[in-house]
Amino acid sequence: MSQIAPLYHNDLGISFFWCEKSEVISSKIQLVFKETGFYFNREELDEFVSLIDDACKRSASACQCCKMRAQCEKFLLKTPISQIDLAVTNYELKGIRDLVNGTIFKLELHRLVNDEGRN
């Protein structure tokens, strides 16, 4: 049975490294939100951040006067996988943004701690 090394989580999802034989596989990050999972390397994760930021800019101008905007309006969120786009609400988009940004923060923190330990 595979184990995981959690990186970050929020109400919408979780990110983690897979472990194999008690060793953390840190070359790729598993992101899981709702019923969707992505297994990204760091470059794909950085690309996803850019795509999320683009979607947030588009969503900020949509349906400004509608009180139901956060619940009903769906936005197309592109992913680093060109064949896959996600239809998400504004609430989900913000949660995915937090999940990815929190994951990157934790990755950078791990890198800094590991680099500091080598000096």
C-alpha atoms as a PDB file:
ATOM      1  CA  MET A   1       0.000   0.000   0.000  1.00  0.00           C
ATOM      2  CA  SER A   2       1.330   3.446  -0.923  1.00  0.00           C
ATOM      3  CA  GLN A   3       1.730   6.116   1.703  1.00  0.00           C
ATOM      4  CA  ILE A   4       1.656   9.872   1.252  1.00  0.00           C
ATOM      5  CA  ALA A   5       3.633  12.815   2.585  1.00  0.00           C
ATOM      6  CA  PRO A   6       1.109  15.682   2.834  1.00  0.00           C
ATOM      7  CA  LEU A   7       2.175  19.138   1.658  1.00  0.00           C
ATOM      8  CA  TYR A   8      -0.889  21.357   1.979  1.00  0.00           C
ATOM      9  CA  HIS A   9      -4.662  21.109   2.299  1.00  0.00           C
ATOM     10  CA  ASN A  10      -7.736  23.319   2.455  1.00  0.00           C
ATOM     11  CA  ASP A  11     -11.499  22.742   2.378  1.00  0.00           C
ATOM     12  CA  LEU A  12     -11.374  21.982  -1.336  1.00  0.00           C
ATOM     13  CA  GLY A  13      -8.446  19.603  -1.625  1.00  0.00           C
ATOM     14  CA  ILE A  14      -5.009  18.337  -0.706  1.00  0.00           C
ATOM     15  CA  SER A  15      -1.529  18.161  -2.185  1.00  0.00           C
ATOM     16  CA  PHE A  16       1.031  15.536  -1.314  1.00  0.00           C
ATOM     17  CA  PHE A  17       4.017  13.487  -2.409  1.00  0.00           C
ATOM     18  CA  TRP A  18       3.625   9.764  -2.893  1.00  0.00           C
ATOM     19  CA  CYS A  19       5.916   7.520  -0.851  1.00  0.00           C
ATOM     20  CA  GLU A  20       7.285   4.217  -2.029  1.00  0.00           C
ATOM     21  CA  LYS A  21       9.090   1.845   0.334  1.00  0.00           C
ATOM     22  CA  SER A  22       9.281   4.592   2.987  1.00  0.00           C
ATOM     23  CA  GLU A  23      10.960   6.983   0.520  1.00  0.00           C
ATOM     24  CA  VAL A  24       9.276  10.215  -0.564  1.00  0.00           C
ATOM     25  CA  ILE A  25       8.978  10.614  -4.333  1.00  0.00           C
ATOM     26  CA  SER A  26       9.443  14.367  -4.617  1.00  0.00           C
ATOM     27  CA  SER A  27       9.766  14.719  -8.391  1.00  0.00           C
ATOM     28  CA  LYS A  28       5.987  15.116  -8.786  1.00  0.00           C
ATOM     29  CA  ILE A  29       3.206  16.555  -6.664  1.00  0.00           C
ATOM     30  CA  GLN A  30      -0.255  15.008  -6.447  1.00  0.00           C
ATOM     31  CA  LEU A  31      -3.033  17.620  -6.334  1.00  0.00           C
ATOM     32  CA  VAL A  32      -6.539  16.401  -5.530  1.00  0.00           C
ATOM     33  CA  PHE A  33      -9.601  18.638  -5.466  1.00  0.00           C
ATOM     34  CA  LYS A  34     -13.191  17.470  -5.598  1.00  0.00           C
ATOM     35  CA  GLU A  35     -13.126  14.380  -7.827  1.00  0.00           C
ATOM     36  CA  THR A  36     -10.086  15.458  -9.826  1.00  0.00           C
ATOM     37  CA  GLY A  37      -6.455  14.565  -9.347  1.00  0.00           C
ATOM     38  CA  PHE A  38      -3.404  15.893 -11.151  1.00  0.00           C
ATOM     39  CA  TYR A  39       0.145  14.606 -10.868  1.00  0.00           C
ATOM     40  CA  PHE A  40       2.344  17.589 -11.759  1.00  0.00           C
ATOM     41  CA  ASN A  41       6.057  18.240 -11.808  1.00  0.00           C
ATOM     42  CA  ARG A  42       7.202  21.650 -10.554  1.00  0.00           C
ATOM     43  CA  GLU A  43       7.164  23.261 -14.019  1.00  0.00           C
ATOM     44  CA  GLU A  44       3.577  22.119 -14.614  1.00  0.00           C
ATOM     45  CA  LEU A  45       2.588  23.412 -11.182  1.00  0.00           C
ATOM     46  CA  ASP A  46       4.089  26.829 -11.991  1.00  0.00           C
ATOM     47  CA  GLU A  47       2.236  26.842 -15.323  1.00  0.00           C
ATOM     48  CA  PHE A  48      -1.001  25.988 -13.488  1.00  0.00           C
ATOM     49  CA  VAL A  49      -0.494  29.042 -11.229  1.00  0.00           C
ATOM     50  CA  SER A  50      -0.315  31.263 -14.298  1.00  0.00           C
ATOM     51  CA  LEU A  51      -3.446  29.690 -15.786  1.00  0.00           C
ATOM     52  CA  ILE A  52      -5.301  30.107 -12.482  1.00  0.00           C
ATOM     53  CA  ASP A  53      -4.277  33.771 -12.317  1.00  0.00           C
ATOM     54  CA  ASP A  54      -5.604  34.282 -15.875  1.00  0.00           C
ATOM     55  CA  ALA A  55      -8.922  32.663 -14.925  1.00  0.00           C
ATOM     56  CA  CYS A  56      -9.161  34.826 -11.769  1.00  0.00           C
ATOM     57  CA  LYS A  57      -8.727  37.974 -13.870  1.00  0.00           C
ATOM     58  CA  ARG A  58     -11.468  36.828 -16.254  1.00  0.00           C
ATOM     59  CA  SER A  59     -13.823  35.922 -13.402  1.00  0.00           C
ATOM     60  CA  ALA A  60     -13.345  39.276 -11.665  1.00  0.00           C
ATOM     61  CA  SER A  61     -15.098  41.073 -14.501  1.00  0.00           C
ATOM     62  CA  ALA A  62     -17.946  38.601 -15.047  1.00  0.00           C
ATOM     63  CA  CYS A  63     -21.446  39.136 -13.654  1.00  0.00           C
ATOM     64  CA  GLN A  64     -20.428  41.920 -11.252  1.00  0.00           C
ATOM     65  CA  CYS A  65     -23.997  42.785 -10.277  1.00  0.00           C
ATOM     66  CA  CYS A  66     -25.265  39.225  -9.757  1.00  0.00           C
ATOM     67  CA  LYS A  67     -25.633  38.121  -6.118  1.00  0.00           C
ATOM     68  CA  MET A  68     -25.435  34.449  -7.156  1.00  0.00           C
ATOM     69  CA  ARG A  69     -22.126  34.840  -9.011  1.00  0.00           C
ATOM     70  CA  ALA A  70     -20.064  32.766  -6.590  1.00  0.00           C
ATOM     71  CA  GLN A  71     -22.563  29.911  -6.580  1.00  0.00           C
ATOM     72  CA  CYS A  72     -23.753  29.576 -10.163  1.00  0.00           C
ATOM     73  CA  GLU A  73     -21.272  31.164 -12.544  1.00  0.00           C
ATOM     74  CA  LYS A  74     -18.824  28.686 -14.011  1.00  0.00           C
ATOM     75  CA  PHE A  75     -15.487  29.648 -15.496  1.00  0.00           C
ATOM     76  CA  LEU A  76     -13.269  27.595 -17.713  1.00  0.00           C
ATOM     77  CA  LEU A  77      -9.966  26.917 -15.989  1.00  0.00           C
ATOM     78  CA  LYS A  78      -7.273  25.720 -18.329  1.00  0.00           C
ATOM     79  CA  THR A  79      -4.729  23.213 -17.039  1.00  0.00           C
ATOM     80  CA  PRO A  80      -1.161  22.396 -18.064  1.00  0.00           C
ATOM     81  CA  ILE A  81      -2.671  19.403 -19.853  1.00  0.00           C
ATOM     82  CA  SER A  82      -3.853  20.986 -23.100  1.00  0.00           C
ATOM     83  CA  GLN A  83      -6.699  18.496 -23.561  1.00  0.00           C
ATOM     84  CA  ILE A  84      -8.215  19.192 -20.125  1.00  0.00           C
ATOM     85  CA  ASP A  85     -10.093  22.295 -18.957  1.00  0.00           C
ATOM     86  CA  LEU A  86     -12.156  22.462 -15.776  1.00  0.00           C
ATOM     87  CA  ALA A  87     -15.500  24.213 -15.314  1.00  0.00           C
ATOM     88  CA  VAL A  88     -15.317  25.751 -11.837  1.00  0.00           C
ATOM     89  CA  THR A  89     -17.278  28.251  -9.780  1.00  0.00           C
ATOM     90  CA  ASN A  90     -15.648  31.394  -8.444  1.00  0.00           C
ATOM     91  CA  TYR A  91     -15.528  29.757  -4.989  1.00  0.00           C
ATOM     92  CA  GLU A  92     -13.802  26.670  -6.419  1.00  0.00           C
ATOM     93  CA  LEU A  93     -11.382  28.811  -8.402  1.00  0.00           C
ATOM     94  CA  LYS A  94     -10.331  30.630  -5.223  1.00  0.00           C
ATOM     95  CA  GLY A  95      -9.953  27.309  -3.397  1.00  0.00           C
ATOM     96  CA  ILE A  96      -7.823  25.829  -6.177  1.00  0.00           C
ATOM     97  CA  ARG A  97      -5.722  29.004  -6.206  1.00  0.00           C
ATOM     98  CA  ASP A  98      -5.163  28.691  -2.447  1.00  0.00           C
ATOM     99  CA  LEU A  99      -4.348  24.987  -2.782  1.00  0.00           C
ATOM    100  CA  VAL A 100      -1.759  25.544  -5.513  1.00  0.00           C
ATOM    101  CA  ASN A 101      -0.212  28.638  -3.892  1.00  0.00           C
ATOM    102  CA  GLY A 102      -0.064  26.872  -0.518  1.00  0.00           C
ATOM    103  CA  THR A 103       1.580  23.878  -2.170  1.00  0.00           C
ATOM    104  CA  ILE A 104       4.223  26.062  -3.824  1.00  0.00           C
ATOM    105  CA  PHE A 105       4.867  27.830  -0.516  1.00  0.00           C
ATOM    106  CA  LYS A 106       5.423  24.473   1.208  1.00  0.00           C
ATOM    107  CA  LEU A 107       7.682  23.276  -1.640  1.00  0.00           C
ATOM    108  CA  GLU A 108       9.817  26.410  -1.314  1.00  0.00           C
ATOM    109  CA  LEU A 109       9.913  26.034   2.461  1.00  0.00           C
ATOM    110  CA  HIS A 110      11.084  22.408   2.120  1.00  0.00           C
ATOM    111  CA  ARG A 111      13.725  23.492  -0.403  1.00  0.00           C
ATOM    112  CA  LEU A 112      15.016  26.246   1.887  1.00  0.00           C
ATOM    113  CA  VAL A 113      15.142  23.960   4.920  1.00  0.00           C
ATOM    114  CA  ASN A 114      16.932  21.240   2.953  1.00  0.00           C
ATOM    115  CA  ASP A 115      19.410  23.706   1.407  1.00  0.00           C
ATOM    116  CA  GLU A 116      20.081  25.241   4.836  1.00  0.00           C
ATOM    117  CA  GLY A 117      20.767  21.787   6.269  1.00  0.00           C
ATOM    118  CA  ARG A 118      23.451  21.159   3.629  1.00  0.00           C
ATOM    119  CA  ASN A 119      25.388  24.345   4.475  1.00  0.00           C
END
